[in-house]
Amino acid sequence: MKTPELDKITKVREKSQAIGDFLEWLIQEKDY
């Protein structure tokens, strides 16, 4: 059973994960 709240949390988590990956990539790019 999926609740709208759980769905929202999952989406937010996926988004913050993507942002974290992007920031990591940015930092690595600056090093070179």
PDB file of N, CA and C in Angstrom:
ATOM      1  N   MET A   1       0.833  -1.209   0.000  1.00  0.00           N
ATOM      2  CA  MET A   1       0.000   0.000   0.000  1.00  0.00           C
ATOM      3  C   MET A   1       0.869   1.261   0.000  1.00  0.00           C
ATOM      4  N   LYS A   2       0.683   2.091  -1.000  1.00  0.00           N
ATOM      5  CA  LYS A   2       1.487   3.316  -1.101  1.00  0.00           C
ATOM      6  C   LYS A   2       0.662   4.530  -0.700  1.00  0.00           C
ATOM      7  N   THR A   3       1.237   5.333   0.162  1.00  0.00           N
ATOM      8  CA  THR A   3       0.557   6.561   0.578  1.00  0.00           C
ATOM      9  C   THR A   3       1.179   7.748  -0.152  1.00  0.00           C
ATOM     10  N   PRO A   4       0.403   8.796  -0.369  1.00  0.00           N
ATOM     11  CA  PRO A   4       0.938   9.993  -1.043  1.00  0.00           C
ATOM     12  C   PRO A   4       2.153  10.555  -0.311  1.00  0.00           C
ATOM     13  N   GLU A   5       2.112  10.495   1.030  1.00  0.00           N
ATOM     14  CA  GLU A   5       3.241  11.018   1.809  1.00  0.00           C
ATOM     15  C   GLU A   5       4.517  10.242   1.488  1.00  0.00           C
ATOM     16  N   LEU A   6       4.385   8.918   1.489  1.00  0.00           N
ATOM     17  CA  LEU A   6       5.548   8.075   1.221  1.00  0.00           C
ATOM     18  C   LEU A   6       6.084   8.352  -0.177  1.00  0.00           C
ATOM     19  N   ASP A   7       5.159   8.530  -1.126  1.00  0.00           N
ATOM     20  CA  ASP A   7       5.547   8.823  -2.501  1.00  0.00           C
ATOM     21  C   ASP A   7       6.317  10.132  -2.566  1.00  0.00           C
ATOM     22  N   LYS A   8       5.845  11.123  -1.808  1.00  0.00           N
ATOM     23  CA  LYS A   8       6.500  12.435  -1.796  1.00  0.00           C
ATOM     24  C   LYS A   8       7.917  12.312  -1.246  1.00  0.00           C
ATOM     25  N   ILE A   9       8.033  11.587  -0.126  1.00  0.00           N
ATOM     26  CA  ILE A   9       9.340  11.409   0.508  1.00  0.00           C
ATOM     27  C   ILE A   9      10.304  10.719  -0.452  1.00  0.00           C
ATOM     28  N   THR A  10       9.812   9.701  -1.148  1.00  0.00           N
ATOM     29  CA  THR A  10      10.657   8.976  -2.100  1.00  0.00           C
ATOM     30  C   THR A  10      11.144   9.900  -3.202  1.00  0.00           C
ATOM     31  N   LYS A  11      10.239  10.743  -3.717  1.00  0.00           N
ATOM     32  CA  LYS A  11      10.621  11.667  -4.788  1.00  0.00           C
ATOM     33  C   LYS A  11      11.660  12.660  -4.302  1.00  0.00           C
ATOM     34  N   VAL A  12      11.445  13.185  -3.102  1.00  0.00           N
ATOM     35  CA  VAL A  12      12.386  14.158  -2.535  1.00  0.00           C
ATOM     36  C   VAL A  12      13.748  13.506  -2.347  1.00  0.00           C
ATOM     37  N   ARG A  13      13.728  12.255  -1.876  1.00  0.00           N
ATOM     38  CA  ARG A  13      14.978  11.540  -1.641  1.00  0.00           C
ATOM     39  C   ARG A  13      15.728  11.338  -2.953  1.00  0.00           C
ATOM     40  N   GLU A  14      14.995  10.953  -3.992  1.00  0.00           N
ATOM     41  CA  GLU A  14      15.625  10.751  -5.302  1.00  0.00           C
ATOM     42  C   GLU A  14      16.220  12.062  -5.796  1.00  0.00           C
ATOM     43  N   LYS A  15      15.494  13.159  -5.572  1.00  0.00           N
ATOM     44  CA  LYS A  15      15.952  14.464  -6.038  1.00  0.00           C
ATOM     45  C   LYS A  15      17.226  14.878  -5.304  1.00  0.00           C
ATOM     46  N   SER A  16      17.222  14.728  -3.977  1.00  0.00           N
ATOM     47  CA  SER A  16      18.392  15.133  -3.206  1.00  0.00           C
ATOM     48  C   SER A  16      19.573  14.227  -3.530  1.00  0.00           C
ATOM     49  N   GLN A  17      19.305  12.971  -3.852  1.00  0.00           N
ATOM     50  CA  GLN A  17      20.375  12.059  -4.262  1.00  0.00           C
ATOM     51  C   GLN A  17      20.993  12.542  -5.560  1.00  0.00           C
ATOM     52  N   ALA A  18      20.144  12.960  -6.506  1.00  0.00           N
ATOM     53  CA  ALA A  18      20.627  13.459  -7.792  1.00  0.00           C
ATOM     54  C   ALA A  18      21.425  14.737  -7.590  1.00  0.00           C
ATOM     55  N   ILE A  19      20.938  15.614  -6.715  1.00  0.00           N
ATOM     56  CA  ILE A  19      21.646  16.871  -6.442  1.00  0.00           C
ATOM     57  C   ILE A  19      23.006  16.571  -5.824  1.00  0.00           C
ATOM     58  N   GLY A  20      23.044  15.611  -4.899  1.00  0.00           N
ATOM     59  CA  GLY A  20      24.305  15.241  -4.260  1.00  0.00           C
ATOM     60  C   GLY A  20      25.296  14.714  -5.283  1.00  0.00           C
ATOM     61  N   ASP A  21      24.817  13.864  -6.190  1.00  0.00           N
ATOM     62  CA  ASP A  21      25.688  13.336  -7.241  1.00  0.00           C
ATOM     63  C   ASP A  21      26.212  14.466  -8.108  1.00  0.00           C
ATOM     64  N   PHE A  22      25.340  15.424  -8.442  1.00  0.00           N
ATOM     65  CA  PHE A  22      25.724  16.540  -9.300  1.00  0.00           C
ATOM     66  C   PHE A  22      26.780  17.400  -8.613  1.00  0.00           C
ATOM     67  N   LEU A  23      26.580  17.678  -7.320  1.00  0.00           N
ATOM     68  CA  LEU A  23      27.549  18.491  -6.587  1.00  0.00           C
ATOM     69  C   LEU A  23      28.896  17.782  -6.537  1.00  0.00           C
ATOM     70  N   GLU A  24      28.874  16.480  -6.293  1.00  0.00           N
ATOM     71  CA  GLU A  24      30.121  15.708  -6.264  1.00  0.00           C
ATOM     72  C   GLU A  24      30.839  15.822  -7.597  1.00  0.00           C
ATOM     73  N   TRP A  25      30.079  15.727  -8.687  1.00  0.00           N
ATOM     74  CA  TRP A  25      30.650  15.819 -10.027  1.00  0.00           C
ATOM     75  C   TRP A  25      31.263  17.197 -10.237  1.00  0.00           C
ATOM     76  N   LEU A  26      30.544  18.236  -9.801  1.00  0.00           N
ATOM     77  CA  LEU A  26      31.045  19.610  -9.944  1.00  0.00           C
ATOM     78  C   LEU A  26      32.380  19.765  -9.231  1.00  0.00           C
ATOM     79  N   ILE A  27      32.454  19.266  -8.001  1.00  0.00           N
ATOM     80  CA  ILE A  27      33.681  19.385  -7.209  1.00  0.00           C
ATOM     81  C   ILE A  27      34.828  18.658  -7.905  1.00  0.00           C
ATOM     82  N   GLN A  28      34.550  17.485  -8.447  1.00  0.00           N
ATOM     83  CA  GLN A  28      35.587  16.722  -9.139  1.00  0.00           C
ATOM     84  C   GLN A  28      36.055  17.465 -10.383  1.00  0.00           C
ATOM     85  N   GLU A  29      35.115  18.092 -11.092  1.00  0.00           N
ATOM     86  CA  GLU A  29      35.466  18.833 -12.307  1.00  0.00           C
ATOM     87  C   GLU A  29      36.393  19.995 -11.968  1.00  0.00           C
ATOM     88  N   LYS A  30      36.152  20.648 -10.838  1.00  0.00           N
ATOM     89  CA  LYS A  30      36.968  21.803 -10.446  1.00  0.00           C
ATOM     90  C   LYS A  30      38.396  21.390 -10.123  1.00  0.00           C
ATOM     91  N   ASP A  31      38.565  20.155  -9.664  1.00  0.00           N
ATOM     92  CA  ASP A  31      39.896  19.696  -9.278  1.00  0.00           C
ATOM     93  C   ASP A  31      40.825  19.584 -10.482  1.00  0.00           C
ATOM     94  N   TYR A  32      40.257  19.378 -11.663  1.00  0.00           N
ATOM     95  CA  TYR A  32      41.103  19.185 -12.843  1.00  0.00           C
ATOM     96  C   TYR A  32      41.348  20.485 -13.583  1.00  0.00           C
TER      97      TYR A  32
END
